[in-house]
Amino acid sequence: MELKDILAISGQPGLYKYVAQSMRGVIVESLLDGKRMNASATSRVSALTEISMFTEGEDIALADVFTNIWNYTEGKEAISHKESADKIVSEFAKVLPEYDRERVHVSDMKKCFAWYNILVKAGFTEFKLPNNEAEE
């Protein structure tokens, strides 16, 4: 399972693994409980490799943020997304000190930590973006 196959679906909790294309959208499997469902073509589905975080300079890929968290926690789960806003902000500043304080909200940080913890529980140890060199 690679990060490019992991999807976030707007309005649905958790993360999903891409399984197959269907007539009306895509079939996905929840990383939380393993249940499969059809994400309709009208759902906003985003691959984690397409998501980035705002920083003071260039935006940083979510995969790189996950790698920073992995290194900071030494491969363990991160802070719970249910902690207080102050703790979430403090921990996020440790893993991504250059984040844009005006455009990255606490809800974004909570989602980042929640998704990271789901991925670690699912057995992820590397958060690499797809290699574009094969296309060149």
N, C-alpha and C. Protein backbone atom coordinates (compact mmCIF):
# COMPACT_ATOMS: atom_id res chain seq x y z
N MET A 1 0.85 -1.17 0.00
CA MET A 1 0.00 0.00 0.00
C MET A 1 0.90 1.24 0.00
N GLU A 2 0.62 2.14 -0.91
CA GLU A 2 1.41 3.36 -1.03
C GLU A 2 0.55 4.57 -0.70
N LEU A 3 1.22 5.65 -0.36
CA LEU A 3 0.52 6.88 0.01
C LEU A 3 -0.36 7.39 -1.12
N LYS A 4 0.03 7.15 -2.38
CA LYS A 4 -0.76 7.63 -3.51
C LYS A 4 -2.13 6.94 -3.59
N ASP A 5 -2.28 5.79 -2.92
CA ASP A 5 -3.54 5.04 -2.92
C ASP A 5 -4.44 5.40 -1.74
N ILE A 6 -3.99 6.32 -0.89
CA ILE A 6 -4.76 6.70 0.29
C ILE A 6 -5.53 7.98 -0.02
N LEU A 7 -6.83 7.93 0.26
CA LEU A 7 -7.73 9.02 -0.11
C LEU A 7 -8.43 9.62 1.11
N ALA A 8 -8.69 10.90 1.03
CA ALA A 8 -9.53 11.60 1.99
C ALA A 8 -10.80 11.97 1.23
N ILE A 9 -11.95 11.72 1.85
CA ILE A 9 -13.23 12.01 1.21
C ILE A 9 -13.94 13.07 2.03
N SER A 10 -14.26 14.18 1.40
CA SER A 10 -14.91 15.28 2.09
C SER A 10 -16.24 14.80 2.69
N GLY A 11 -16.43 15.13 3.97
CA GLY A 11 -17.66 14.75 4.66
C GLY A 11 -17.61 13.36 5.28
N GLN A 12 -16.52 12.62 5.07
CA GLN A 12 -16.38 11.28 5.63
C GLN A 12 -15.19 11.28 6.61
N PRO A 13 -15.34 10.66 7.76
CA PRO A 13 -14.23 10.62 8.71
C PRO A 13 -13.16 9.62 8.27
N GLY A 14 -11.93 9.86 8.69
CA GLY A 14 -10.86 8.90 8.45
C GLY A 14 -10.27 8.96 7.05
N LEU A 15 -9.53 7.92 6.73
CA LEU A 15 -8.88 7.79 5.44
C LEU A 15 -9.30 6.50 4.78
N TYR A 16 -9.15 6.44 3.46
CA TYR A 16 -9.61 5.30 2.69
C TYR A 16 -8.55 4.86 1.70
N LYS A 17 -8.51 3.56 1.48
CA LYS A 17 -7.60 2.99 0.49
C LYS A 17 -8.39 2.79 -0.81
N TYR A 18 -7.81 3.23 -1.92
CA TYR A 18 -8.43 3.03 -3.23
C TYR A 18 -8.44 1.53 -3.54
N VAL A 19 -9.61 1.02 -3.95
CA VAL A 19 -9.72 -0.39 -4.29
C VAL A 19 -9.91 -0.57 -5.80
N ALA A 20 -10.93 0.13 -6.36
CA ALA A 20 -11.21 -0.03 -7.78
C ALA A 20 -12.11 1.09 -8.27
N GLN A 21 -12.13 1.26 -9.57
CA GLN A 21 -13.06 2.20 -10.22
C GLN A 21 -14.41 1.52 -10.32
N SER A 22 -15.48 2.26 -10.14
CA SER A 22 -16.83 1.70 -10.32
C SER A 22 -17.58 2.56 -11.34
N MET A 23 -18.76 2.13 -11.68
CA MET A 23 -19.57 2.86 -12.67
C MET A 23 -19.91 4.26 -12.16
N ARG A 24 -20.11 4.40 -10.86
CA ARG A 24 -20.57 5.68 -10.31
C ARG A 24 -19.55 6.39 -9.44
N GLY A 25 -18.29 6.00 -9.50
CA GLY A 25 -17.26 6.63 -8.68
C GLY A 25 -16.11 5.68 -8.45
N VAL A 26 -15.67 5.60 -7.18
CA VAL A 26 -14.59 4.68 -6.83
C VAL A 26 -14.98 3.87 -5.61
N ILE A 27 -14.48 2.64 -5.56
CA ILE A 27 -14.69 1.79 -4.40
C ILE A 27 -13.48 1.99 -3.49
N VAL A 28 -13.77 2.26 -2.23
CA VAL A 28 -12.72 2.53 -1.25
C VAL A 28 -12.93 1.64 -0.03
N GLU A 29 -11.85 1.46 0.71
CA GLU A 29 -11.89 0.67 1.94
C GLU A 29 -11.37 1.52 3.09
N SER A 30 -12.13 1.61 4.16
CA SER A 30 -11.75 2.42 5.31
C SER A 30 -10.51 1.85 5.99
N LEU A 31 -9.55 2.71 6.32
CA LEU A 31 -8.38 2.27 7.08
C LEU A 31 -8.72 2.09 8.56
N LEU A 32 -9.85 2.62 8.98
CA LEU A 32 -10.25 2.50 10.38
C LEU A 32 -10.89 1.15 10.69
N ASP A 33 -11.85 0.75 9.85
CA ASP A 33 -12.59 -0.47 10.14
C ASP A 33 -12.60 -1.50 9.01
N GLY A 34 -11.98 -1.19 7.88
CA GLY A 34 -11.89 -2.15 6.78
C GLY A 34 -13.15 -2.28 5.94
N LYS A 35 -14.17 -1.50 6.24
CA LYS A 35 -15.42 -1.59 5.47
C LYS A 35 -15.25 -0.91 4.12
N ARG A 36 -15.86 -1.51 3.11
CA ARG A 36 -15.80 -0.95 1.77
C ARG A 36 -17.07 -0.16 1.47
N MET A 37 -16.90 0.86 0.64
CA MET A 37 -18.05 1.66 0.23
C MET A 37 -17.75 2.27 -1.13
N ASN A 38 -18.77 2.79 -1.75
CA ASN A 38 -18.61 3.48 -3.02
C ASN A 38 -18.58 4.98 -2.75
N ALA A 39 -17.52 5.64 -3.19
CA ALA A 39 -17.46 7.10 -3.11
C ALA A 39 -17.97 7.61 -4.46
N SER A 40 -19.08 8.28 -4.44
CA SER A 40 -19.71 8.70 -5.69
C SER A 40 -18.85 9.70 -6.45
N ALA A 41 -19.12 9.81 -7.72
CA ALA A 41 -18.37 10.71 -8.59
C ALA A 41 -18.55 12.17 -8.16
N THR A 42 -19.60 12.46 -7.41
CA THR A 42 -19.84 13.84 -6.97
C THR A 42 -19.12 14.15 -5.65
N SER A 43 -18.57 13.14 -4.98
CA SER A 43 -17.82 13.37 -3.73
C SER A 43 -16.50 14.03 -4.04
N ARG A 44 -16.06 14.87 -3.12
CA ARG A 44 -14.72 15.46 -3.26
C ARG A 44 -13.71 14.48 -2.66
N VAL A 45 -13.00 13.80 -3.54
CA VAL A 45 -12.02 12.80 -3.13
C VAL A 45 -10.64 13.35 -3.45
N SER A 46 -9.74 13.31 -2.46
CA SER A 46 -8.38 13.81 -2.65
C SER A 46 -7.38 12.75 -2.22
N ALA A 47 -6.40 12.50 -3.08
CA ALA A 47 -5.29 11.63 -2.69
C ALA A 47 -4.39 12.43 -1.75
N LEU A 48 -3.85 11.77 -0.73
CA LEU A 48 -3.00 12.48 0.22
C LEU A 48 -1.78 13.08 -0.45
N THR A 49 -1.34 12.50 -1.55
CA THR A 49 -0.17 13.03 -2.26
C THR A 49 -0.47 14.36 -2.94
N GLU A 50 -1.74 14.73 -3.05
CA GLU A 50 -2.13 15.99 -3.69
C GLU A 50 -2.32 17.12 -2.69
N ILE A 51 -2.23 16.81 -1.40
CA ILE A 51 -2.51 17.78 -0.35
C ILE A 51 -1.20 18.36 0.16
N SER A 52 -1.20 19.67 0.43
CA SER A 52 -0.01 20.31 0.99
C SER A 52 -0.43 21.27 2.10
N MET A 53 0.57 21.71 2.87
CA MET A 53 0.33 22.64 3.97
C MET A 53 1.00 23.97 3.63
N PHE A 54 0.39 25.05 4.07
CA PHE A 54 0.94 26.38 3.85
C PHE A 54 2.12 26.60 4.81
N THR A 55 3.20 27.16 4.28
CA THR A 55 4.32 27.56 5.12
C THR A 55 4.67 29.00 4.78
N GLU A 56 5.63 29.54 5.50
CA GLU A 56 6.06 30.92 5.23
C GLU A 56 6.73 31.04 3.86
N GLY A 57 7.28 29.94 3.36
CA GLY A 57 7.91 29.92 2.03
C GLY A 57 7.04 29.12 1.07
N GLU A 58 7.64 28.11 0.46
CA GLU A 58 6.93 27.21 -0.43
C GLU A 58 5.99 26.32 0.37
N ASP A 59 4.85 25.93 -0.23
CA ASP A 59 3.98 24.97 0.43
C ASP A 59 4.73 23.65 0.54
N ILE A 60 4.43 22.89 1.59
CA ILE A 60 5.11 21.61 1.81
C ILE A 60 4.09 20.48 1.67
N ALA A 61 4.49 19.44 0.97
CA ALA A 61 3.61 18.29 0.75
C ALA A 61 3.26 17.64 2.08
N LEU A 62 2.03 17.16 2.18
CA LEU A 62 1.57 16.50 3.39
C LEU A 62 2.47 15.30 3.71
N ALA A 63 2.95 14.62 2.69
CA ALA A 63 3.86 13.48 2.89
C ALA A 63 5.10 13.92 3.65
N ASP A 64 5.61 15.10 3.35
CA ASP A 64 6.79 15.62 4.04
C ASP A 64 6.46 16.00 5.49
N VAL A 65 5.26 16.51 5.72
CA VAL A 65 4.82 16.82 7.09
C VAL A 65 4.74 15.51 7.88
N PHE A 66 4.17 14.46 7.27
CA PHE A 66 4.09 13.16 7.94
C PHE A 66 5.49 12.62 8.26
N THR A 67 6.43 12.82 7.34
CA THR A 67 7.81 12.38 7.58
C THR A 67 8.41 13.14 8.76
N ASN A 68 8.14 14.44 8.85
CA ASN A 68 8.61 15.24 9.99
C ASN A 68 8.02 14.71 11.30
N ILE A 69 6.73 14.38 11.28
CA ILE A 69 6.08 13.85 12.49
C ILE A 69 6.70 12.50 12.84
N TRP A 70 6.91 11.65 11.83
CA TRP A 70 7.52 10.33 12.03
C TRP A 70 8.89 10.47 12.71
N ASN A 71 9.70 11.38 12.20
CA ASN A 71 11.03 11.59 12.77
C ASN A 71 10.94 12.14 14.19
N TYR A 72 10.00 13.06 14.43
CA TYR A 72 9.83 13.68 15.74
C TYR A 72 9.36 12.65 16.78
N THR A 73 8.43 11.78 16.38
CA THR A 73 7.88 10.80 17.32
C THR A 73 8.67 9.49 17.34
N GLU A 74 9.70 9.41 16.50
CA GLU A 74 10.51 8.20 16.36
C GLU A 74 9.65 7.00 15.96
N GLY A 75 8.72 7.25 15.05
CA GLY A 75 7.90 6.17 14.50
C GLY A 75 6.70 5.79 15.32
N LYS A 76 6.43 6.53 16.37
CA LYS A 76 5.27 6.22 17.22
C LYS A 76 4.09 7.12 16.81
N GLU A 77 2.96 6.86 17.44
CA GLU A 77 1.80 7.72 17.20
C GLU A 77 2.08 9.12 17.72
N ALA A 78 1.46 10.09 17.08
CA ALA A 78 1.61 11.49 17.48
C ALA A 78 0.55 11.83 18.53
N ILE A 79 0.56 13.07 18.93
CA ILE A 79 -0.44 13.58 19.86
C ILE A 79 -1.84 13.31 19.31
N SER A 80 -2.78 13.05 20.19
CA SER A 80 -4.16 12.81 19.77
C SER A 80 -4.77 14.10 19.23
N HIS A 81 -5.59 13.95 18.21
CA HIS A 81 -6.27 15.11 17.65
C HIS A 81 -7.34 15.65 18.60
N LYS A 82 -7.59 14.94 19.69
CA LYS A 82 -8.60 15.35 20.66
C LYS A 82 -8.02 16.18 21.81
N GLU A 83 -6.71 16.41 21.78
CA GLU A 83 -6.06 17.23 22.81
C GLU A 83 -6.52 18.69 22.67
N SER A 84 -6.14 19.50 23.64
CA SER A 84 -6.53 20.91 23.61
C SER A 84 -5.86 21.62 22.44
N ALA A 85 -6.46 22.70 22.00
CA ALA A 85 -5.93 23.47 20.87
C ALA A 85 -4.51 23.95 21.15
N ASP A 86 -4.23 24.37 22.37
CA ASP A 86 -2.89 24.85 22.72
C ASP A 86 -1.84 23.76 22.55
N LYS A 87 -2.16 22.54 22.99
CA LYS A 87 -1.22 21.43 22.86
C LYS A 87 -1.02 21.07 21.39
N ILE A 88 -2.10 21.08 20.62
CA ILE A 88 -2.02 20.76 19.19
C ILE A 88 -1.10 21.76 18.50
N VAL A 89 -1.32 23.05 18.74
CA VAL A 89 -0.51 24.10 18.10
C VAL A 89 0.95 23.96 18.51
N SER A 90 1.19 23.70 19.78
CA SER A 90 2.56 23.56 20.28
C SER A 90 3.27 22.38 19.60
N GLU A 91 2.62 21.24 19.51
CA GLU A 91 3.22 20.07 18.88
C GLU A 91 3.41 20.28 17.39
N PHE A 92 2.45 20.92 16.74
CA PHE A 92 2.56 21.14 15.30
C PHE A 92 3.74 22.07 15.00
N ALA A 93 3.94 23.06 15.85
CA ALA A 93 5.07 24.00 15.66
C ALA A 93 6.41 23.28 15.81
N LYS A 94 6.44 22.19 16.57
CA LYS A 94 7.68 21.43 16.71
C LYS A 94 7.98 20.61 15.46
N VAL A 95 6.95 20.11 14.79
CA VAL A 95 7.18 19.28 13.60
C VAL A 95 7.24 20.10 12.31
N LEU A 96 6.61 21.27 12.32
CA LEU A 96 6.64 22.14 11.14
C LEU A 96 6.74 23.60 11.61
N PRO A 97 7.93 24.01 12.07
CA PRO A 97 8.07 25.35 12.65
C PRO A 97 7.77 26.48 11.68
N GLU A 98 7.92 26.25 10.39
CA GLU A 98 7.72 27.31 9.40
C GLU A 98 6.29 27.38 8.86
N TYR A 99 5.33 26.71 9.52
CA TYR A 99 3.96 26.75 9.00
C TYR A 99 3.40 28.17 9.05
N ASP A 100 2.50 28.47 8.13
CA ASP A 100 1.89 29.80 8.03
C ASP A 100 0.84 29.95 9.13
N ARG A 101 1.13 30.75 10.11
CA ARG A 101 0.25 30.90 11.27
C ARG A 101 -1.09 31.54 10.94
N GLU A 102 -1.21 32.21 9.81
CA GLU A 102 -2.47 32.85 9.44
C GLU A 102 -3.37 31.91 8.62
N ARG A 103 -2.77 31.02 7.85
CA ARG A 103 -3.57 30.19 6.94
C ARG A 103 -3.74 28.74 7.39
N VAL A 104 -2.91 28.27 8.32
CA VAL A 104 -3.06 26.91 8.84
C VAL A 104 -3.81 27.01 10.16
N HIS A 105 -5.00 26.44 10.18
CA HIS A 105 -5.88 26.53 11.35
C HIS A 105 -5.70 25.31 12.24
N VAL A 106 -6.18 25.41 13.47
CA VAL A 106 -6.10 24.30 14.41
C VAL A 106 -6.81 23.07 13.83
N SER A 107 -7.91 23.28 13.13
CA SER A 107 -8.64 22.15 12.53
C SER A 107 -7.77 21.42 11.50
N ASP A 108 -6.94 22.16 10.76
CA ASP A 108 -6.01 21.54 9.81
C ASP A 108 -4.97 20.71 10.55
N MET A 109 -4.47 21.24 11.66
CA MET A 109 -3.47 20.53 12.45
C MET A 109 -4.06 19.25 13.04
N LYS A 110 -5.28 19.35 13.55
CA LYS A 110 -5.95 18.18 14.12
C LYS A 110 -6.11 17.10 13.07
N LYS A 111 -6.54 17.50 11.88
CA LYS A 111 -6.73 16.54 10.79
C LYS A 111 -5.39 15.90 10.41
N CYS A 112 -4.35 16.69 10.38
CA CYS A 112 -3.01 16.19 10.05
C CYS A 112 -2.58 15.12 11.06
N PHE A 113 -2.70 15.41 12.35
CA PHE A 113 -2.31 14.45 13.38
C PHE A 113 -3.21 13.21 13.36
N ALA A 114 -4.51 13.42 13.16
CA ALA A 114 -5.44 12.28 13.10
C ALA A 114 -5.08 11.36 11.92
N TRP A 115 -4.84 11.94 10.75
CA TRP A 115 -4.49 11.15 9.57
C TRP A 115 -3.16 10.43 9.78
N TYR A 116 -2.19 11.12 10.34
CA TYR A 116 -0.89 10.50 10.60
C TYR A 116 -1.08 9.27 11.50
N ASN A 117 -1.85 9.42 12.58
CA ASN A 117 -2.06 8.31 13.50
C ASN A 117 -2.78 7.14 12.83
N ILE A 118 -3.73 7.42 11.96
CA ILE A 118 -4.41 6.36 11.21
C ILE A 118 -3.41 5.61 10.34
N LEU A 119 -2.55 6.34 9.66
CA LEU A 119 -1.55 5.72 8.78
C LEU A 119 -0.56 4.87 9.58
N VAL A 120 -0.12 5.36 10.73
CA VAL A 120 0.82 4.59 11.55
C VAL A 120 0.15 3.30 12.03
N LYS A 121 -1.10 3.39 12.47
CA LYS A 121 -1.84 2.20 12.91
C LYS A 121 -2.02 1.22 11.76
N ALA A 122 -2.11 1.73 10.52
CA ALA A 122 -2.29 0.88 9.34
C ALA A 122 -0.97 0.29 8.86
N GLY A 123 0.13 0.65 9.52
CA GLY A 123 1.41 0.05 9.19
C GLY A 123 2.33 0.88 8.31
N PHE A 124 2.01 2.13 8.07
CA PHE A 124 2.89 2.97 7.25
C PHE A 124 4.16 3.31 8.02
N THR A 125 5.28 3.22 7.32
CA THR A 125 6.57 3.61 7.91
C THR A 125 7.28 4.62 7.04
N GLU A 126 6.82 4.78 5.80
CA GLU A 126 7.40 5.76 4.88
C GLU A 126 6.27 6.55 4.23
N PHE A 127 6.52 7.82 4.04
CA PHE A 127 5.53 8.71 3.45
C PHE A 127 6.14 9.38 2.23
N LYS A 128 6.32 8.61 1.17
CA LYS A 128 6.98 9.12 -0.03
C LYS A 128 5.95 9.55 -1.06
N LEU A 129 6.31 10.60 -1.79
CA LEU A 129 5.51 11.01 -2.93
C LEU A 129 5.87 10.13 -4.11
N PRO A 130 4.96 9.97 -5.08
CA PRO A 130 5.30 9.17 -6.27
C PRO A 130 6.52 9.76 -6.96
N ASN A 131 7.34 8.91 -7.51
CA ASN A 131 8.58 9.33 -8.17
C ASN A 131 8.27 9.77 -9.59
N ASN A 132 8.56 11.02 -9.91
CA ASN A 132 8.28 11.58 -11.23
C ASN A 132 9.40 11.32 -12.22
N GLU A 133 10.53 10.80 -11.76
CA GLU A 133 11.67 10.57 -12.63
C GLU A 133 11.37 9.50 -13.67
N ALA A 134 10.48 8.58 -13.38
CA ALA A 134 10.17 7.50 -14.32
C ALA A 134 9.51 8.05 -15.58
N GLU A 135 8.86 9.21 -15.45
CA GLU A 135 8.17 9.80 -16.60
C GLU A 135 9.15 10.50 -17.54
N GLU A 136 10.30 10.93 -17.03
CA GLU A 136 11.25 11.71 -17.83
C GLU A 136 12.11 10.86 -18.73
